[in-house]
PDB file of N, CA and C in Angstrom:
ATOM      1  N   MET A   1     101.643 117.323  91.629  1.00  0.00           N
ATOM      2  CA  MET A   1     102.152 118.617  91.198  1.00  0.00           C
ATOM      3  C   MET A   1     101.351 119.035  89.967  1.00  0.00           C
ATOM      4  N   TRP A   2     101.115 120.314  89.871  1.00  0.00           N
ATOM      5  CA  TRP A   2     100.417 120.861  88.715  1.00  0.00           C
ATOM      6  C   TRP A   2     101.053 122.186  88.344  1.00  0.00           C
ATOM      7  N   GLU A   3     100.827 122.592  87.118  1.00  0.00           N
ATOM      8  CA  GLU A   3     101.379 123.865  86.655  1.00  0.00           C
ATOM      9  C   GLU A   3     100.312 124.946  86.742  1.00  0.00           C
ATOM     10  N   TRP A   4     100.728 126.101  87.222  1.00  0.00           N
ATOM     11  CA  TRP A   4      99.852 127.270  87.287  1.00  0.00           C
ATOM     12  C   TRP A   4     100.732 128.502  87.205  1.00  0.00           C
ATOM     13  N   ARG A   5     100.398 129.368  86.293  1.00  0.00           N
ATOM     14  CA  ARG A   5     101.138 130.619  86.101  1.00  0.00           C
ATOM     15  C   ARG A   5     102.642 130.395  85.926  1.00  0.00           C
ATOM     16  N   GLY A   6     102.973 129.365  85.158  1.00  0.00           N
ATOM     17  CA  GLY A   6     104.367 129.117  84.822  1.00  0.00           C
ATOM     18  C   GLY A   6     105.209 128.460  85.895  1.00  0.00           C
ATOM     19  N   ARG A   7     104.580 128.006  86.973  1.00  0.00           N
ATOM     20  CA  ARG A   7     105.302 127.334  88.063  1.00  0.00           C
ATOM     21  C   ARG A   7     104.617 126.017  88.378  1.00  0.00           C
ATOM     22  N   LEU A   8     105.372 125.104  88.978  1.00  0.00           N
ATOM     23  CA  LEU A   8     104.797 123.856  89.464  1.00  0.00           C
ATOM     24  C   LEU A   8     104.468 124.011  90.948  1.00  0.00           C
ATOM     25  N   TRP A   9     103.336 123.442  91.355  1.00  0.00           N
ATOM     26  CA  TRP A   9     102.826 123.584  92.718  1.00  0.00           C
ATOM     27  C   TRP A   9     102.417 122.233  93.284  1.00  0.00           C
ATOM     28  N   CYS A  10     102.330 122.160  94.605  1.00  0.00           N
ATOM     29  CA  CYS A  10     101.777 120.985  95.279  1.00  0.00           C
ATOM     30  C   CYS A  10     101.055 121.456  96.540  1.00  0.00           C
ATOM     31  N   HIS A  11     100.295 120.552  97.148  1.00  0.00           N
ATOM     32  CA  HIS A  11      99.568 120.873  98.369  1.00  0.00           C
ATOM     33  C   HIS A  11     100.379 120.477  99.595  1.00  0.00           C
ATOM     34  N   LEU A  12     100.222 121.275 100.640  1.00  0.00           N
ATOM     35  CA  LEU A  12     100.797 120.966 101.941  1.00  0.00           C
ATOM     36  C   LEU A  12      99.618 120.701 102.872  1.00  0.00           C
ATOM     37  N   LEU A  13      99.557 119.474 103.408  1.00  0.00           N
ATOM     38  CA  LEU A  13      98.480 119.039 104.299  1.00  0.00           C
ATOM     39  C   LEU A  13      99.084 118.573 105.618  1.00  0.00           C
ATOM     40  N   ALA A  14      98.245 118.457 106.643  1.00  0.00           N
ATOM     41  CA  ALA A  14      98.705 117.934 107.928  1.00  0.00           C
ATOM     42  C   ALA A  14      97.538 117.262 108.636  1.00  0.00           C
ATOM     43  N   ASP A  15      97.834 116.623 109.751  1.00  0.00           N
ATOM     44  CA  ASP A  15      96.803 115.928 110.519  1.00  0.00           C
ATOM     45  C   ASP A  15      95.813 116.890 111.171  1.00  0.00           C
ATOM     46  N   SER A  16      96.242 118.100 111.443  1.00  0.00           N
ATOM     47  CA  SER A  16      95.346 119.095 112.039  1.00  0.00           C
ATOM     48  C   SER A  16      95.707 120.469 111.480  1.00  0.00           C
ATOM     49  N   ASP A  17      94.762 121.385 111.553  1.00  0.00           N
ATOM     50  CA  ASP A  17      95.047 122.745 111.086  1.00  0.00           C
ATOM     51  C   ASP A  17      96.147 123.392 111.917  1.00  0.00           C
ATOM     52  N   GLU A  18      96.165 123.112 113.231  1.00  0.00           N
ATOM     53  CA  GLU A  18      97.190 123.691 114.100  1.00  0.00           C
ATOM     54  C   GLU A  18      98.584 123.234 113.654  1.00  0.00           C
ATOM     55  N   GLU A  19      98.721 121.940 113.409  1.00  0.00           N
ATOM     56  CA  GLU A  19      99.996 121.400 112.940  1.00  0.00           C
ATOM     57  C   GLU A  19     100.362 121.992 111.579  1.00  0.00           C
ATOM     58  N   LEU A  20      99.387 122.101 110.701  1.00  0.00           N
ATOM     59  CA  LEU A  20      99.621 122.652 109.366  1.00  0.00           C
ATOM     60  C   LEU A  20     100.096 124.097 109.444  1.00  0.00           C
ATOM     61  N   HIS A  21      99.432 124.928 110.249  1.00  0.00           N
ATOM     62  CA  HIS A  21      99.821 126.342 110.359  1.00  0.00           C
ATOM     63  C   HIS A  21     101.222 126.488 110.949  1.00  0.00           C
ATOM     64  N   ALA A  22     101.535 125.681 111.940  1.00  0.00           N
ATOM     65  CA  ALA A  22     102.862 125.754 112.556  1.00  0.00           C
ATOM     66  C   ALA A  22     103.940 125.343 111.553  1.00  0.00           C
ATOM     67  N   PHE A  23     103.697 124.278 110.824  1.00  0.00           N
ATOM     68  CA  PHE A  23     104.673 123.811 109.840  1.00  0.00           C
ATOM     69  C   PHE A  23     104.843 124.848 108.734  1.00  0.00           C
ATOM     70  N   ALA A  24     103.724 125.379 108.240  1.00  0.00           N
ATOM     71  CA  ALA A  24     103.773 126.386 107.181  1.00  0.00           C
ATOM     72  C   ALA A  24     104.527 127.633 107.642  1.00  0.00           C
ATOM     73  N   ALA A  25     104.298 128.047 108.874  1.00  0.00           N
ATOM     74  CA  ALA A  25     105.006 129.219 109.410  1.00  0.00           C
ATOM     75  C   ALA A  25     106.506 128.966 109.433  1.00  0.00           C
ATOM     76  N   GLY A  26     106.892 127.735 109.772  1.00  0.00           N
ATOM     77  CA  GLY A  26     108.307 127.374 109.777  1.00  0.00           C
ATOM     78  C   GLY A  26     108.941 127.444 108.401  1.00  0.00           C
ATOM     79  N   LEU A  27     108.114 127.297 107.370  1.00  0.00           N
ATOM     80  CA  LEU A  27     108.601 127.415 105.992  1.00  0.00           C
ATOM     81  C   LEU A  27     108.561 128.853 105.485  1.00  0.00           C
ATOM     82  N   GLY A  28     108.007 129.749 106.318  1.00  0.00           N
ATOM     83  CA  GLY A  28     107.910 131.146 105.908  1.00  0.00           C
ATOM     84  C   GLY A  28     106.634 131.492 105.172  1.00  0.00           C
ATOM     85  N   LEU A  29     105.647 130.584 105.210  1.00  0.00           N
ATOM     86  CA  LEU A  29     104.376 130.858 104.549  1.00  0.00           C
ATOM     87  C   LEU A  29     103.510 131.760 105.428  1.00  0.00           C
ATOM     88  N   LYS A  30     102.793 132.651 104.812  1.00  0.00           N
ATOM     89  CA  LYS A  30     101.896 133.551 105.538  1.00  0.00           C
ATOM     90  C   LYS A  30     100.578 132.837 105.824  1.00  0.00           C
ATOM     91  N   ARG A  31     100.020 133.093 106.992  1.00  0.00           N
ATOM     92  CA  ARG A  31      98.737 132.495 107.381  1.00  0.00           C
ATOM     93  C   ARG A  31      97.647 132.857 106.377  1.00  0.00           C
ATOM     94  N   ALA A  32      97.749 134.023 105.769  1.00  0.00           N
ATOM     95  CA  ALA A  32      96.762 134.473 104.787  1.00  0.00           C
ATOM     96  C   ALA A  32      96.743 133.583 103.544  1.00  0.00           C
ATOM     97  N   TRP A  33      97.788 132.802 103.340  1.00  0.00           N
ATOM     98  CA  TRP A  33      97.854 131.924 102.166  1.00  0.00           C
ATOM     99  C   TRP A  33      97.145 130.592 102.390  1.00  0.00           C
ATOM    100  N   PHE A  34      96.693 130.350 103.609  1.00  0.00           N
ATOM    101  CA  PHE A  34      95.940 129.136 103.918  1.00  0.00           C
ATOM    102  C   PHE A  34      94.662 129.138 103.090  1.00  0.00           C
ATOM    103  N   GLN A  35      94.360 127.993 102.500  1.00  0.00           N
ATOM    104  CA  GLN A  35      93.151 127.870 101.693  1.00  0.00           C
ATOM    105  C   GLN A  35      92.208 126.876 102.344  1.00  0.00           C
ATOM    106  N   GLU A  36      91.001 127.313 102.527  1.00  0.00           N
ATOM    107  CA  GLU A  36      89.981 126.453 103.116  1.00  0.00           C
ATOM    108  C   GLU A  36      88.774 126.504 102.196  1.00  0.00           C
ATOM    109  N   ARG A  37      88.573 125.423 101.475  1.00  0.00           N
ATOM    110  CA  ARG A  37      87.500 125.381 100.485  1.00  0.00           C
ATOM    111  C   ARG A  37      86.605 124.180 100.755  1.00  0.00           C
ATOM    112  N   GLU A  38      85.351 124.456 100.962  1.00  0.00           N
ATOM    113  CA  GLU A  38      84.395 123.386 101.260  1.00  0.00           C
ATOM    114  C   GLU A  38      84.291 122.388 100.113  1.00  0.00           C
ATOM    115  N   ALA A  39      84.426 122.845  98.882  1.00  0.00           N
ATOM    116  CA  ALA A  39      84.247 121.964  97.725  1.00  0.00           C
ATOM    117  C   ALA A  39      85.451 121.046  97.495  1.00  0.00           C
ATOM    118  N   ALA A  40      86.593 121.387  98.047  1.00  0.00           N
ATOM    119  CA  ALA A  40      87.800 120.582  97.825  1.00  0.00           C
ATOM    120  C   ALA A  40      87.850 119.421  98.811  1.00  0.00           C
ATOM    121  N   PRO A  41      88.330 118.267  98.368  1.00  0.00           N
ATOM    122  CA  PRO A  41      88.453 117.139  99.307  1.00  0.00           C
ATOM    123  C   PRO A  41      89.411 117.461 100.449  1.00  0.00           C
ATOM    124  N   TRP A  42      90.443 118.248 100.191  1.00  0.00           N
ATOM    125  CA  TRP A  42      91.406 118.662 101.203  1.00  0.00           C
ATOM    126  C   TRP A  42      91.008 120.075 101.601  1.00  0.00           C
ATOM    127  N   LYS A  43      90.059 120.186 102.482  1.00  0.00           N
ATOM    128  CA  LYS A  43      89.462 121.484 102.804  1.00  0.00           C
ATOM    129  C   LYS A  43      90.480 122.519 103.249  1.00  0.00           C
ATOM    130  N   GLY A  44      91.428 122.156 104.090  1.00  0.00           N
ATOM    131  CA  GLY A  44      92.425 123.107 104.561  1.00  0.00           C
ATOM    132  C   GLY A  44      93.806 122.716 104.065  1.00  0.00           C
ATOM    133  N   HIS A  45      94.464 123.618 103.353  1.00  0.00           N
ATOM    134  CA  HIS A  45      95.790 123.314 102.828  1.00  0.00           C
ATOM    135  C   HIS A  45      96.508 124.604 102.434  1.00  0.00           C
ATOM    136  N   TYR A  46      97.783 124.466 102.193  1.00  0.00           N
ATOM    137  CA  TYR A  46      98.578 125.528 101.582  1.00  0.00           C
ATOM    138  C   TYR A  46      99.060 125.004 100.230  1.00  0.00           C
ATOM    139  N   ASP A  47      99.128 125.868  99.250  1.00  0.00           N
ATOM    140  CA  ASP A  47      99.783 125.536  97.993  1.00  0.00           C
ATOM    141  C   ASP A  47     101.226 126.001  98.125  1.00  0.00           C
ATOM    142  N   ILE A  48     102.157 125.114  97.776  1.00  0.00           N
ATOM    143  CA  ILE A  48     103.558 125.511  97.836  1.00  0.00           C
ATOM    144  C   ILE A  48     104.203 125.292  96.469  1.00  0.00           C
ATOM    145  N   PRO A  49     105.086 126.189  96.074  1.00  0.00           N
ATOM    146  CA  PRO A  49     105.748 126.048  94.778  1.00  0.00           C
ATOM    147  C   PRO A  49     106.818 124.967  94.830  1.00  0.00           C
ATOM    148  N   GLU A  50     107.138 124.436  93.670  1.00  0.00           N
ATOM    149  CA  GLU A  50     108.111 123.352  93.559  1.00  0.00           C
ATOM    150  C   GLU A  50     109.422 123.690  94.265  1.00  0.00           C
ATOM    151  N   GLU A  51     109.873 124.941  94.157  1.00  0.00           N
ATOM    152  CA  GLU A  51     111.163 125.290  94.753  1.00  0.00           C
ATOM    153  C   GLU A  51     111.145 125.251  96.288  1.00  0.00           C
ATOM    154  N   LEU A  52     109.980 125.256  96.907  1.00  0.00           N
ATOM    155  CA  LEU A  52     109.873 125.161  98.364  1.00  0.00           C
ATOM    156  C   LEU A  52     109.649 123.716  98.826  1.00  0.00           C
ATOM    157  N   ARG A  53     109.324 122.847  97.902  1.00  0.00           N
ATOM    158  CA  ARG A  53     109.019 121.461  98.242  1.00  0.00           C
ATOM    159  C   ARG A  53     110.198 120.770  98.939  1.00  0.00           C
ATOM    160  N   ALA A  54     111.406 120.941  98.425  1.00  0.00           N
ATOM    161  CA  ALA A  54     112.579 120.308  99.044  1.00  0.00           C
ATOM    162  C   ALA A  54     112.785 120.810 100.466  1.00  0.00           C
ATOM    163  N   ASP A  55     112.542 122.102 100.716  1.00  0.00           N
ATOM    164  CA  ASP A  55     112.654 122.644 102.073  1.00  0.00           C
ATOM    165  C   ASP A  55     111.608 122.006 102.992  1.00  0.00           C
ATOM    166  N   ALA A  56     110.392 121.808 102.467  1.00  0.00           N
ATOM    167  CA  ALA A  56     109.332 121.190 103.259  1.00  0.00           C
ATOM    168  C   ALA A  56     109.712 119.755 103.629  1.00  0.00           C
ATOM    169  N   VAL A  57     110.241 119.015 102.681  1.00  0.00           N
ATOM    170  CA  VAL A  57     110.652 117.632 102.950  1.00  0.00           C
ATOM    171  C   VAL A  57     111.805 117.609 103.950  1.00  0.00           C
ATOM    172  N   ALA A  58     112.757 118.512 103.790  1.00  0.00           N
ATOM    173  CA  ALA A  58     113.881 118.577 104.723  1.00  0.00           C
ATOM    174  C   ALA A  58     113.405 118.911 106.134  1.00  0.00           C
ATOM    175  N   ALA A  59     112.298 119.648 106.246  1.00  0.00           N
ATOM    176  CA  ALA A  59     111.753 120.020 107.553  1.00  0.00           C
ATOM    177  C   ALA A  59     110.861 118.936 108.142  1.00  0.00           C
ATOM    178  N   GLY A  60     110.637 117.851 107.383  1.00  0.00           N
ATOM    179  CA  GLY A  60     109.855 116.748 107.925  1.00  0.00           C
ATOM    180  C   GLY A  60     108.607 116.375 107.154  1.00  0.00           C
ATOM    181  N   ALA A  61     108.260 117.123 106.117  1.00  0.00           N
ATOM    182  CA  ALA A  61     107.099 116.759 105.301  1.00  0.00           C
ATOM    183  C   ALA A  61     107.382 115.433 104.598  1.00  0.00           C
ATOM    184  N   VAL A  62     106.342 114.683 104.379  1.00  0.00           N
ATOM    185  CA  VAL A  62     106.458 113.390 103.717  1.00  0.00           C
ATOM    186  C   VAL A  62     105.740 113.476 102.376  1.00  0.00           C
ATOM    187  N   GLU A  63     106.446 113.133 101.305  1.00  0.00           N
ATOM    188  CA  GLU A  63     105.831 113.133  99.982  1.00  0.00           C
ATOM    189  C   GLU A  63     104.948 111.903  99.858  1.00  0.00           C
ATOM    190  N   VAL A  64     103.723 112.103  99.409  1.00  0.00           N
ATOM    191  CA  VAL A  64     102.763 111.010  99.309  1.00  0.00           C
ATOM    192  C   VAL A  64     102.046 111.066  97.965  1.00  0.00           C
ATOM    193  N   ASP A  65     101.409 109.946  97.609  1.00  0.00           N
ATOM    194  CA  ASP A  65     100.617 109.921  96.390  1.00  0.00           C
ATOM    195  C   ASP A  65      99.149 110.177  96.735  1.00  0.00           C
ATOM    196  N   LEU A  66      98.312 110.259  95.706  1.00  0.00           N
ATOM    197  CA  LEU A  66      96.902 110.585  95.926  1.00  0.00           C
ATOM    198  C   LEU A  66      96.173 109.531  96.745  1.00  0.00           C
ATOM    199  N   ARG A  67      96.553 108.283  96.616  1.00  0.00           N
ATOM    200  CA  ARG A  67      95.915 107.220  97.404  1.00  0.00           C
ATOM    201  C   ARG A  67      96.165 107.450  98.898  1.00  0.00           C
ATOM    202  N   HIS A  68      97.395 107.801  99.254  1.00  0.00           N
ATOM    203  CA  HIS A  68      97.724 108.081 100.650  1.00  0.00           C
ATOM    204  C   HIS A  68      96.950 109.303 101.145  1.00  0.00           C
ATOM    205  N   VAL A  69      96.844 110.324 100.312  1.00  0.00           N
ATOM    206  CA  VAL A  69      96.097 111.526 100.695  1.00  0.00           C
ATOM    207  C   VAL A  69      94.648 111.173 100.974  1.00  0.00           C
ATOM    208  N   ALA A  70      94.039 110.350 100.129  1.00  0.00           N
ATOM    209  CA  ALA A  70      92.640 109.959 100.336  1.00  0.00           C
ATOM    210  C   ALA A  70      92.467 109.231 101.668  1.00  0.00           C
ATOM    211  N   THR A  71      93.375 108.320 101.982  1.00  0.00           N
ATOM    212  CA  THR A  71      93.329 107.598 103.261  1.00  0.00           C
ATOM    213  C   THR A  71      93.481 108.572 104.422  1.00  0.00           C
ATOM    214  N   HIS A  72      94.417 109.490 104.302  1.00  0.00           N
ATOM    215  CA  HIS A  72      94.663 110.502 105.323  1.00  0.00           C
ATOM    216  C   HIS A  72      93.410 111.354 105.555  1.00  0.00           C
ATOM    217  N   LEU A  73      92.769 111.774 104.485  1.00  0.00           N
ATOM    218  CA  LEU A  73      91.597 112.633 104.616  1.00  0.00           C
ATOM    219  C   LEU A  73      90.422 111.904 105.246  1.00  0.00           C
ATOM    220  N   ARG A  74      90.227 110.641 104.889  1.00  0.00           N
ATOM    221  CA  ARG A  74      89.149 109.867 105.521  1.00  0.00           C
ATOM    222  C   ARG A  74      89.392 109.740 107.023  1.00  0.00           C
ATOM    223  N   ALA A  75      90.625 109.466 107.407  1.00  0.00           N
ATOM    224  CA  ALA A  75      90.952 109.330 108.829  1.00  0.00           C
ATOM    225  C   ALA A  75      90.771 110.662 109.556  1.00  0.00           C
ATOM    226  N   ARG A  76      91.180 111.740 108.930  1.00  0.00           N
ATOM    227  CA  ARG A  76      91.038 113.050 109.563  1.00  0.00           C
ATOM    228  C   ARG A  76      89.569 113.402 109.765  1.00  0.00           C
ATOM    229  N   ARG A  77      88.734 113.148 108.754  1.00  0.00           N
ATOM    230  CA  ARG A  77      87.298 113.424 108.873  1.00  0.00           C
ATOM    231  C   ARG A  77      86.692 112.586 109.993  1.00  0.00           C
ATOM    232  N   ALA A  78      87.102 111.326 110.105  1.00  0.00           N
ATOM    233  CA  ALA A  78      86.574 110.452 111.159  1.00  0.00           C
ATOM    234  C   ALA A  78      86.960 110.987 112.536  1.00  0.00           C
ATOM    235  N   ARG A  79      88.187 111.464 112.687  1.00  0.00           N
ATOM    236  CA  ARG A  79      88.624 112.041 113.976  1.00  0.00           C
ATOM    237  C   ARG A  79      87.823 113.294 114.294  1.00  0.00           C
ATOM    238  N   MET A  80      87.536 114.106 113.299  1.00  0.00           N
ATOM    239  CA  MET A  80      86.804 115.353 113.532  1.00  0.00           C
ATOM    240  C   MET A  80      85.359 115.081 113.921  1.00  0.00           C
ATOM    241  N   ARG A  81      84.782 114.000 113.375  1.00  0.00           N
ATOM    242  CA  ARG A  81      83.393 113.624 113.736  1.00  0.00           C
ATOM    243  C   ARG A  81      83.344 113.083 115.157  1.00  0.00           C
ATOM    244  N   GLY A  82      84.434 112.492 115.557  1.00  0.00           N
ATOM    245  CA  GLY A  82      84.658 111.970 116.755  1.00  0.00           C
ATOM    246  C   GLY A  82      84.161 111.400 117.855  1.00  0.00           C
TER     247      GLY A  82
END
């Protein structure tokens, strides 16, 4: 979690962009809010505010630490190279 513009935020990631977009839509996030940045280790993600985090977890999101995210991203890149 990090602070930006007076709010706390976190990233929403998934195993695939399709899964991520579907999950985000279920939370009421707009597709236009999807961020895809080549320079970021998590190229495709949504930023969600702290107040939406509990809803995401209740819907099935799993809270993870940075070590888990790194493992997840390596596995995802390997699947994409395929």
